Amino acid sequence: MHGGRGMSLVDRLKRWQAFAVNAATGKPVVFLHIPKCGGTSVGRALRLRYLLSQNTVHPIHSYRAIKANLPDLGDEELLGVVHEFRQRMLAYLISDRTRCISAHVPFSKGAWTMAAGEYKFVTILRDPVDRFVSHYFHSLNRDDYSRIELSLDEFVRTDRARRLGSSYVEYLSGLPYGNDFSGPAAIAAAVANLEYFDKIGFLDRLPTFEKDLQTLLGIRLRIRHENVGSHGGVGYRSRLSAETLRIVTELCAADIEVYTAARELSNAA
């Protein structure tokens, strides 16, 4: 009704909240956070700026939620269900009109279609070999489901290492968990899906990404370099043997293709 007359107190509060959120935040955004790419810094900066309307899909909590409800599933089957669950959570948060969604969630064409014309999709990437090494040391002897107990020389010869080397493809291809993410079809799908992102940043160009996000979203943003530990990737690369570095580079072949395509796309923009 005109001027809000006849509205209940709850409706008035909801209208005020919507007004405050619109005034205090920028354009709606989905930040697809691929692990160990510097995304913790970006995600925290965005969520702080969109404090009145922001959310995430926490990787550990989402895993525990599925495991608690499906305790009899094997590890691989469980991870497949978690993969799909996180994509559905992204769609849910978009449907709920959460203005800033920052999450470790694989790209979903369905979620993008739901958000098209309203949300900006963004992500950040880094050199795939550095990302792999950083991910390994981050997971080494952790006390959760992502724990790695093997030495790097042992780990690079495992199936999990092969999957880890195709993380960009897994997150960007939109394909179900369990696909061959190192294969040409999956790589092609991931490269094609780069076009759906409004902005792709790179860790070695973080100040540029910060400025681009400010322009894209219409906000002021300061990205602090957080979550920096002894497993930064670049420093550890120099400590790898030539043979281990060669194997890691081969493992990351699929992600290197995606990363190269993303850099070319960014340079052409």
C-alpha atoms as a PDB file:
ATOM      1  CA  MET A   1       0.000   0.000   0.000  1.00  0.00           C
ATOM      2  CA  HIS A   2       1.066   3.634  -0.616  1.00  0.00           C
ATOM      3  CA  GLY A   3       3.567   4.855   1.964  1.00  0.00           C
ATOM      4  CA  GLY A   4       3.444   1.522   3.746  1.00  0.00           C
ATOM      5  CA  ARG A   5       0.109   2.302   5.454  1.00  0.00           C
ATOM      6  CA  GLY A   6      -1.686  -0.853   6.499  1.00  0.00           C
ATOM      7  CA  MET A   7       1.559  -2.847   6.625  1.00  0.00           C
ATOM      8  CA  SER A   8       2.363  -4.923   9.670  1.00  0.00           C
ATOM      9  CA  LEU A   9       5.388  -4.130  11.809  1.00  0.00           C
ATOM     10  CA  VAL A  10       7.159  -7.204  10.413  1.00  0.00           C
ATOM     11  CA  ASP A  11       6.531  -6.069   6.829  1.00  0.00           C
ATOM     12  CA  ARG A  12       7.771  -2.582   7.651  1.00  0.00           C
ATOM     13  CA  LEU A  13      10.948  -4.011   9.167  1.00  0.00           C
ATOM     14  CA  LYS A  14      11.487  -6.207   6.105  1.00  0.00           C
ATOM     15  CA  ARG A  15      11.077  -3.213   3.814  1.00  0.00           C
ATOM     16  CA  TRP A  16      13.538  -1.208   5.918  1.00  0.00           C
ATOM     17  CA  GLN A  17      16.003  -4.094   5.885  1.00  0.00           C
ATOM     18  CA  ALA A  18      15.775  -4.389   2.098  1.00  0.00           C
ATOM     19  CA  PHE A  19      16.349  -0.649   1.746  1.00  0.00           C
ATOM     20  CA  ALA A  20      19.356  -0.766   4.096  1.00  0.00           C
ATOM     21  CA  VAL A  21      20.885  -3.746   2.285  1.00  0.00           C
ATOM     22  CA  ASN A  22      20.496  -2.101  -1.123  1.00  0.00           C
ATOM     23  CA  ALA A  23      22.022   1.132   0.157  1.00  0.00           C
ATOM     24  CA  ALA A  24      24.927  -0.478   1.994  1.00  0.00           C
ATOM     25  CA  THR A  25      26.058  -3.130  -0.492  1.00  0.00           C
ATOM     26  CA  GLY A  26      27.084  -3.340  -4.110  1.00  0.00           C
ATOM     27  CA  LYS A  27      25.762  -5.427  -6.964  1.00  0.00           C
ATOM     28  CA  PRO A  28      24.977  -9.061  -6.053  1.00  0.00           C
ATOM     29  CA  VAL A  29      28.041 -11.263  -6.467  1.00  0.00           C
ATOM     30  CA  VAL A  30      29.008 -14.936  -6.468  1.00  0.00           C
ATOM     31  CA  PHE A  31      32.674 -15.484  -5.663  1.00  0.00           C
ATOM     32  CA  LEU A  32      33.637 -19.011  -6.673  1.00  0.00           C
ATOM     33  CA  HIS A  33      36.505 -19.809  -4.309  1.00  0.00           C
ATOM     34  CA  ILE A  34      38.865 -22.428  -5.707  1.00  0.00           C
ATOM     35  CA  PRO A  35      41.106 -23.669  -2.861  1.00  0.00           C
ATOM     36  CA  LYS A  36      44.613 -22.257  -2.381  1.00  0.00           C
ATOM     37  CA  CYS A  37      44.318 -19.457  -4.918  1.00  0.00           C
ATOM     38  CA  GLY A  38      44.300 -16.534  -2.492  1.00  0.00           C
ATOM     39  CA  GLY A  39      40.536 -16.658  -2.257  1.00  0.00           C
ATOM     40  CA  THR A  40      40.383 -16.448   1.535  1.00  0.00           C
ATOM     41  CA  SER A  41      41.526 -12.832   1.347  1.00  0.00           C
ATOM     42  CA  VAL A  42      39.079 -11.994  -1.431  1.00  0.00           C
ATOM     43  CA  GLY A  43      36.142 -13.780   0.182  1.00  0.00           C
ATOM     44  CA  ARG A  44      36.620 -12.127   3.566  1.00  0.00           C
ATOM     45  CA  ALA A  45      36.929  -8.683   2.011  1.00  0.00           C
ATOM     46  CA  LEU A  46      33.724  -9.181   0.022  1.00  0.00           C
ATOM     47  CA  ARG A  47      31.738 -10.642   2.907  1.00  0.00           C
ATOM     48  CA  LEU A  48      32.799  -7.780   5.168  1.00  0.00           C
ATOM     49  CA  ARG A  49      31.654  -5.264   2.548  1.00  0.00           C
ATOM     50  CA  TYR A  50      28.309  -7.077   2.156  1.00  0.00           C
ATOM     51  CA  LEU A  51      27.928  -7.689   5.881  1.00  0.00           C
ATOM     52  CA  LEU A  52      24.132  -7.226   5.891  1.00  0.00           C
ATOM     53  CA  SER A  53      23.564  -9.921   3.263  1.00  0.00           C
ATOM     54  CA  GLN A  54      26.323 -12.498   2.799  1.00  0.00           C
ATOM     55  CA  ASN A  55      26.816 -16.228   3.220  1.00  0.00           C
ATOM     56  CA  THR A  56      29.056 -19.147   2.349  1.00  0.00           C
ATOM     57  CA  VAL A  57      29.027 -22.920   1.907  1.00  0.00           C
ATOM     58  CA  HIS A  58      31.663 -24.103   4.356  1.00  0.00           C
ATOM     59  CA  PRO A  59      33.644 -27.080   2.972  1.00  0.00           C
ATOM     60  CA  ILE A  60      34.072 -28.939   6.261  1.00  0.00           C
ATOM     61  CA  HIS A  61      30.534 -28.314   7.532  1.00  0.00           C
ATOM     62  CA  SER A  62      28.970 -29.368   4.225  1.00  0.00           C
ATOM     63  CA  TYR A  63      31.055 -32.554   4.254  1.00  0.00           C
ATOM     64  CA  ARG A  64      30.077 -33.343   7.845  1.00  0.00           C
ATOM     65  CA  ALA A  65      26.399 -32.700   7.121  1.00  0.00           C
ATOM     66  CA  ILE A  66      26.344 -35.233   4.295  1.00  0.00           C
ATOM     67  CA  LYS A  67      28.443 -37.776   6.186  1.00  0.00           C
ATOM     68  CA  ALA A  68      26.114 -37.556   9.209  1.00  0.00           C
ATOM     69  CA  ASN A  69      23.067 -38.242   7.039  1.00  0.00           C
ATOM     70  CA  LEU A  70      24.690 -40.862   4.796  1.00  0.00           C
ATOM     71  CA  PRO A  71      27.158 -42.619   7.120  1.00  0.00           C
ATOM     72  CA  ASP A  72      27.312 -45.831   5.075  1.00  0.00           C
ATOM     73  CA  LEU A  73      28.639 -44.245   1.877  1.00  0.00           C
ATOM     74  CA  GLY A  74      32.212 -44.949   0.825  1.00  0.00           C
ATOM     75  CA  ASP A  75      34.635 -42.059   0.555  1.00  0.00           C
ATOM     76  CA  GLU A  76      34.380 -41.548  -3.208  1.00  0.00           C
ATOM     77  CA  GLU A  77      30.594 -41.822  -3.317  1.00  0.00           C
ATOM     78  CA  LEU A  78      30.342 -39.473  -0.344  1.00  0.00           C
ATOM     79  CA  LEU A  79      32.494 -36.852  -2.061  1.00  0.00           C
ATOM     80  CA  GLY A  80      30.253 -37.071  -5.111  1.00  0.00           C
ATOM     81  CA  VAL A  81      27.174 -36.330  -3.002  1.00  0.00           C
ATOM     82  CA  VAL A  82      28.985 -33.464  -1.263  1.00  0.00           C
ATOM     83  CA  HIS A  83      29.958 -32.010  -4.661  1.00  0.00           C
ATOM     84  CA  GLU A  84      26.316 -31.956  -5.774  1.00  0.00           C
ATOM     85  CA  PHE A  85      25.073 -30.719  -2.390  1.00  0.00           C
ATOM     86  CA  ARG A  86      27.353 -27.681  -2.547  1.00  0.00           C
ATOM     87  CA  GLN A  87      26.065 -26.807  -6.014  1.00  0.00           C
ATOM     88  CA  ARG A  88      22.499 -27.013  -4.709  1.00  0.00           C
ATOM     89  CA  MET A  89      23.405 -24.810  -1.754  1.00  0.00           C
ATOM     90  CA  LEU A  90      24.706 -22.199  -4.195  1.00  0.00           C
ATOM     91  CA  ALA A  91      21.392 -22.271  -6.062  1.00  0.00           C
ATOM     92  CA  TYR A  92      19.538 -22.002  -2.749  1.00  0.00           C
ATOM     93  CA  LEU A  93      21.488 -18.919  -1.666  1.00  0.00           C
ATOM     94  CA  ILE A  94      20.897 -17.282  -5.047  1.00  0.00           C
ATOM     95  CA  SER A  95      17.175 -18.039  -4.783  1.00  0.00           C
ATOM     96  CA  ASP A  96      17.215 -16.544  -1.269  1.00  0.00           C
ATOM     97  CA  ARG A  97      18.698 -13.352  -2.779  1.00  0.00           C
ATOM     98  CA  THR A  98      21.813 -13.401  -0.630  1.00  0.00           C
ATOM     99  CA  ARG A  99      23.769 -10.531  -2.148  1.00  0.00           C
ATOM    100  CA  CYS A 100      27.277 -11.891  -1.577  1.00  0.00           C
ATOM    101  CA  ILE A 101      27.977 -15.619  -1.831  1.00  0.00           C
ATOM    102  CA  SER A 102      31.593 -16.646  -1.315  1.00  0.00           C
ATOM    103  CA  ALA A 103      32.100 -20.390  -1.310  1.00  0.00           C
ATOM    104  CA  HIS A 104      34.158 -23.442  -2.275  1.00  0.00           C
ATOM    105  CA  VAL A 105      31.480 -24.504  -4.767  1.00  0.00           C
ATOM    106  CA  PRO A 106      31.898 -25.981  -8.268  1.00  0.00           C
ATOM    107  CA  PHE A 107      30.501 -23.893 -11.117  1.00  0.00           C
ATOM    108  CA  SER A 108      26.916 -24.783 -11.964  1.00  0.00           C
ATOM    109  CA  LYS A 109      25.277 -23.707 -15.223  1.00  0.00           C
ATOM    110  CA  GLY A 110      21.901 -24.063 -13.502  1.00  0.00           C
ATOM    111  CA  ALA A 111      22.897 -21.663 -10.721  1.00  0.00           C
ATOM    112  CA  TRP A 112      24.380 -19.246 -13.259  1.00  0.00           C
ATOM    113  CA  THR A 113      21.164 -19.313 -15.296  1.00  0.00           C
ATOM    114  CA  MET A 114      19.135 -18.630 -12.152  1.00  0.00           C
ATOM    115  CA  ALA A 115      21.376 -15.663 -11.340  1.00  0.00           C
ATOM    116  CA  ALA A 116      21.929 -14.338 -14.877  1.00  0.00           C
ATOM    117  CA  GLY A 117      21.308 -10.640 -15.292  1.00  0.00           C
ATOM    118  CA  GLU A 118      21.421  -9.991 -11.545  1.00  0.00           C
ATOM    119  CA  TYR A 119      24.563 -11.529 -10.017  1.00  0.00           C
ATOM    120  CA  LYS A 120      28.162 -11.004 -11.063  1.00  0.00           C
ATOM    121  CA  PHE A 121      30.245 -14.197 -11.107  1.00  0.00           C
ATOM    122  CA  VAL A 122      33.916 -13.807 -10.201  1.00  0.00           C
ATOM    123  CA  THR A 123      36.857 -16.021  -9.256  1.00  0.00           C
ATOM    124  CA  ILE A 124      40.619 -15.866  -8.782  1.00  0.00           C
ATOM    125  CA  LEU A 125      43.295 -18.265 -10.080  1.00  0.00           C
ATOM    126  CA  ARG A 126      47.003 -18.766  -9.530  1.00  0.00           C
ATOM    127  CA  ASP A 127      49.809 -20.691 -11.213  1.00  0.00           C
ATOM    128  CA  PRO A 128      48.573 -24.328 -11.116  1.00  0.00           C
ATOM    129  CA  VAL A 129      51.880 -25.806  -9.938  1.00  0.00           C
ATOM    130  CA  ASP A 130      52.099 -23.310  -7.078  1.00  0.00           C
ATOM    131  CA  ARG A 131      48.462 -24.022  -6.239  1.00  0.00           C
ATOM    132  CA  PHE A 132      49.103 -27.788  -6.165  1.00  0.00           C
ATOM    133  CA  VAL A 133      52.136 -27.461  -3.891  1.00  0.00           C
ATOM    134  CA  SER A 134      50.319 -25.046  -1.585  1.00  0.00           C
ATOM    135  CA  HIS A 135      47.318 -27.380  -1.394  1.00  0.00           C
ATOM    136  CA  TYR A 136      49.529 -30.334  -0.537  1.00  0.00           C
ATOM    137  CA  PHE A 137      51.293 -28.600   2.348  1.00  0.00           C
ATOM    138  CA  HIS A 138      48.031 -27.078   3.582  1.00  0.00           C
ATOM    139  CA  SER A 139      46.512 -30.572   3.823  1.00  0.00           C
ATOM    140  CA  LEU A 140      49.600 -32.301   5.218  1.00  0.00           C
ATOM    141  CA  ASN A 141      48.661 -33.896   8.558  1.00  0.00           C
ATOM    142  CA  ARG A 142      45.507 -31.768   8.929  1.00  0.00           C
ATOM    143  CA  ASP A 143      42.896 -33.036  11.364  1.00  0.00           C
ATOM    144  CA  ASP A 144      39.977 -33.277   8.934  1.00  0.00           C
ATOM    145  CA  TYR A 145      38.768 -35.180   5.866  1.00  0.00           C
ATOM    146  CA  SER A 146      41.298 -33.456   3.582  1.00  0.00           C
ATOM    147  CA  ARG A 147      44.286 -34.825   5.533  1.00  0.00           C
ATOM    148  CA  ILE A 148      47.350 -35.999   3.586  1.00  0.00           C
ATOM    149  CA  GLU A 149      49.876 -38.168   5.414  1.00  0.00           C
ATOM    150  CA  LEU A 150      52.287 -39.077   2.609  1.00  0.00           C
ATOM    151  CA  SER A 151      55.504 -37.302   1.715  1.00  0.00           C
ATOM    152  CA  LEU A 152      55.256 -35.220  -1.451  1.00  0.00           C
ATOM    153  CA  ASP A 153      57.389 -37.706  -3.380  1.00  0.00           C
ATOM    154  CA  GLU A 154      54.946 -40.466  -2.378  1.00  0.00           C
ATOM    155  CA  PHE A 155      51.817 -38.373  -2.818  1.00  0.00           C
ATOM    156  CA  VAL A 156      52.480 -37.369  -6.430  1.00  0.00           C
ATOM    157  CA  ARG A 157      52.136 -41.018  -7.440  1.00  0.00           C
ATOM    158  CA  THR A 158      48.589 -41.388  -6.055  1.00  0.00           C
ATOM    159  CA  ASP A 159      45.151 -41.074  -7.658  1.00  0.00           C
ATOM    160  CA  ARG A 160      44.355 -38.200  -5.328  1.00  0.00           C
ATOM    161  CA  ALA A 161      47.341 -36.270  -6.666  1.00  0.00           C
ATOM    162  CA  ARG A 162      46.040 -36.779 -10.192  1.00  0.00           C
ATOM    163  CA  ARG A 163      42.687 -35.318  -9.143  1.00  0.00           C
ATOM    164  CA  LEU A 164      44.366 -32.450  -7.307  1.00  0.00           C
ATOM    165  CA  GLY A 165      46.223 -31.530 -10.480  1.00  0.00           C
ATOM    166  CA  SER A 166      42.875 -31.041 -12.230  1.00  0.00           C
ATOM    167  CA  SER A 167      41.232 -28.857  -9.580  1.00  0.00           C
ATOM    168  CA  TYR A 168      40.480 -25.985 -11.972  1.00  0.00           C
ATOM    169  CA  VAL A 169      38.761 -28.390 -14.326  1.00  0.00           C
ATOM    170  CA  GLU A 170      36.778 -29.954 -11.477  1.00  0.00           C
ATOM    171  CA  TYR A 171      35.597 -26.560 -10.212  1.00  0.00           C
ATOM    172  CA  LEU A 172      34.937 -24.921 -13.581  1.00  0.00           C
ATOM    173  CA  SER A 173      33.724 -27.669 -15.935  1.00  0.00           C
ATOM    174  CA  GLY A 174      30.294 -28.056 -14.331  1.00  0.00           C
ATOM    175  CA  LEU A 175      30.626 -31.831 -14.668  1.00  0.00           C
ATOM    176  CA  PRO A 176      29.610 -34.287 -11.918  1.00  0.00           C
ATOM    177  CA  TYR A 177      32.199 -35.584  -9.474  1.00  0.00           C
ATOM    178  CA  GLY A 178      33.868 -38.754 -10.724  1.00  0.00           C
ATOM    179  CA  ASN A 179      34.434 -37.547 -14.278  1.00  0.00           C
ATOM    180  CA  ASP A 180      37.883 -37.713 -15.819  1.00  0.00           C
ATOM    181  CA  PHE A 181      38.773 -34.090 -15.124  1.00  0.00           C
ATOM    182  CA  SER A 182      42.127 -34.498 -16.848  1.00  0.00           C
ATOM    183  CA  GLY A 183      40.512 -35.507 -20.148  1.00  0.00           C
ATOM    184  CA  PRO A 184      40.020 -33.265 -23.193  1.00  0.00           C
ATOM    185  CA  ALA A 185      36.219 -33.082 -22.910  1.00  0.00           C
ATOM    186  CA  ALA A 186      36.348 -31.867 -19.309  1.00  0.00           C
ATOM    187  CA  ILE A 187      39.122 -29.391 -20.096  1.00  0.00           C
ATOM    188  CA  ALA A 188      37.120 -28.014 -23.025  1.00  0.00           C
ATOM    189  CA  ALA A 189      34.051 -27.631 -20.790  1.00  0.00           C
ATOM    190  CA  ALA A 190      36.060 -25.749 -18.162  1.00  0.00           C
ATOM    191  CA  VAL A 191      37.583 -23.422 -20.755  1.00  0.00           C
ATOM    192  CA  ALA A 192      34.156 -22.749 -22.287  1.00  0.00           C
ATOM    193  CA  ASN A 193      32.701 -21.902 -18.873  1.00  0.00           C
ATOM    194  CA  LEU A 194      35.288 -19.175 -18.332  1.00  0.00           C
ATOM    195  CA  GLU A 195      33.068 -17.027 -20.551  1.00  0.00           C
ATOM    196  CA  TYR A 196      30.335 -17.065 -17.892  1.00  0.00           C
ATOM    197  CA  PHE A 197      32.499 -15.159 -15.421  1.00  0.00           C
ATOM    198  CA  ASP A 198      32.246 -11.390 -15.297  1.00  0.00           C
ATOM    199  CA  LYS A 199      35.748 -11.113 -13.907  1.00  0.00           C
ATOM    200  CA  ILE A 200      38.623 -13.575 -13.401  1.00  0.00           C
ATOM    201  CA  GLY A 201      41.486 -12.370 -11.244  1.00  0.00           C
ATOM    202  CA  PHE A 202      44.989 -13.728 -10.723  1.00  0.00           C
ATOM    203  CA  LEU A 203      46.915 -13.928  -7.486  1.00  0.00           C
ATOM    204  CA  ASP A 204      49.990 -12.304  -9.024  1.00  0.00           C
ATOM    205  CA  ARG A 205      47.780  -9.362 -10.052  1.00  0.00           C
ATOM    206  CA  LEU A 206      45.823  -8.974  -6.821  1.00  0.00           C
ATOM    207  CA  PRO A 207      45.824  -5.129  -6.779  1.00  0.00           C
ATOM    208  CA  THR A 208      44.406  -5.141 -10.316  1.00  0.00           C
ATOM    209  CA  PHE A 209      41.707  -7.629  -9.304  1.00  0.00           C
ATOM    210  CA  GLU A 210      40.817  -5.434  -6.325  1.00  0.00           C
ATOM    211  CA  LYS A 211      40.322  -2.415  -8.600  1.00  0.00           C
ATOM    212  CA  ASP A 212      38.355  -4.471 -11.129  1.00  0.00           C
ATOM    213  CA  LEU A 213      35.978  -5.721  -8.419  1.00  0.00           C
ATOM    214  CA  GLN A 214      35.401  -2.194  -7.163  1.00  0.00           C
ATOM    215  CA  THR A 215      34.419  -1.087 -10.659  1.00  0.00           C
ATOM    216  CA  LEU A 216      32.345  -4.194 -11.407  1.00  0.00           C
ATOM    217  CA  LEU A 217      30.394  -4.177  -8.135  1.00  0.00           C
ATOM    218  CA  GLY A 218      30.253  -0.464  -7.405  1.00  0.00           C
ATOM    219  CA  ILE A 219      31.892  -0.756  -3.985  1.00  0.00           C
ATOM    220  CA  ARG A 220      35.013   0.199  -2.109  1.00  0.00           C
ATOM    221  CA  LEU A 221      37.086  -2.855  -1.353  1.00  0.00           C
ATOM    222  CA  ARG A 222      40.363  -3.556   0.394  1.00  0.00           C
ATOM    223  CA  ILE A 223      41.776  -7.056   0.002  1.00  0.00           C
ATOM    224  CA  ARG A 224      44.263  -7.959   2.710  1.00  0.00           C
ATOM    225  CA  HIS A 225      46.571 -10.881   1.944  1.00  0.00           C
ATOM    226  CA  GLU A 226      45.318 -13.372   4.541  1.00  0.00           C
ATOM    227  CA  ASN A 227      45.903 -17.078   5.177  1.00  0.00           C
ATOM    228  CA  VAL A 228      49.563 -16.768   4.250  1.00  0.00           C
ATOM    229  CA  GLY A 229      51.564 -19.598   5.801  1.00  0.00           C
ATOM    230  CA  SER A 230      54.703 -21.584   5.239  1.00  0.00           C
ATOM    231  CA  HIS A 231      52.934 -23.449   2.419  1.00  0.00           C
ATOM    232  CA  GLY A 232      52.683 -20.555  -0.024  1.00  0.00           C
ATOM    233  CA  GLY A 233      53.651 -22.631  -3.059  1.00  0.00           C
ATOM    234  CA  VAL A 234      56.212 -20.342  -4.682  1.00  0.00           C
ATOM    235  CA  GLY A 235      58.801 -20.739  -1.922  1.00  0.00           C
ATOM    236  CA  TYR A 236      58.315 -24.465  -1.718  1.00  0.00           C
ATOM    237  CA  ARG A 237      58.685 -24.937  -5.470  1.00  0.00           C
ATOM    238  CA  SER A 238      62.382 -24.062  -5.220  1.00  0.00           C
ATOM    239  CA  ARG A 239      62.832 -26.814  -2.635  1.00  0.00           C
ATOM    240  CA  LEU A 240      61.399 -29.575  -4.835  1.00  0.00           C
ATOM    241  CA  SER A 241      63.693 -31.943  -6.656  1.00  0.00           C
ATOM    242  CA  ALA A 242      63.758 -31.591 -10.422  1.00  0.00           C
ATOM    243  CA  GLU A 243      61.996 -34.943 -10.766  1.00  0.00           C
ATOM    244  CA  THR A 244      59.216 -34.090  -8.319  1.00  0.00           C
ATOM    245  CA  LEU A 245      58.683 -30.722 -10.006  1.00  0.00           C
ATOM    246  CA  ARG A 246      58.465 -32.476 -13.372  1.00  0.00           C
ATOM    247  CA  ILE A 247      55.839 -34.906 -12.052  1.00  0.00           C
ATOM    248  CA  VAL A 248      53.784 -32.132 -10.431  1.00  0.00           C
ATOM    249  CA  THR A 249      53.874 -30.128 -13.659  1.00  0.00           C
ATOM    250  CA  GLU A 250      52.621 -33.165 -15.580  1.00  0.00           C
ATOM    251  CA  LEU A 251      49.871 -33.713 -13.010  1.00  0.00           C
ATOM    252  CA  CYS A 252      48.776 -30.097 -13.489  1.00  0.00           C
ATOM    253  CA  ALA A 253      48.645 -30.306 -17.299  1.00  0.00           C
ATOM    254  CA  ALA A 254      44.849 -29.967 -17.439  1.00  0.00           C
ATOM    255  CA  ASP A 255      44.796 -27.025 -15.049  1.00  0.00           C
ATOM    256  CA  ILE A 256      47.639 -25.361 -16.942  1.00  0.00           C
ATOM    257  CA  GLU A 257      45.478 -25.429 -20.092  1.00  0.00           C
ATOM    258  CA  VAL A 258      42.582 -23.799 -18.243  1.00  0.00           C
ATOM    259  CA  TYR A 259      44.855 -21.263 -16.559  1.00  0.00           C
ATOM    260  CA  THR A 260      46.495 -20.329 -19.861  1.00  0.00           C
ATOM    261  CA  ALA A 261      43.081 -19.859 -21.476  1.00  0.00           C
ATOM    262  CA  ALA A 262      41.959 -17.681 -18.558  1.00  0.00           C
ATOM    263  CA  ARG A 263      45.048 -15.462 -18.857  1.00  0.00           C
ATOM    264  CA  GLU A 264      44.491 -15.094 -22.588  1.00  0.00           C
ATOM    265  CA  LEU A 265      40.832 -14.238 -22.036  1.00  0.00           C
ATOM    266  CA  SER A 266      41.781 -11.654 -19.421  1.00  0.00           C
ATOM    267  CA  ASN A 267      44.438 -10.086 -21.641  1.00  0.00           C
ATOM    268  CA  ALA A 268      41.961  -9.844 -24.523  1.00  0.00           C
ATOM    269  CA  ALA A 269      39.318  -8.096 -22.410  1.00  0.00           C
END
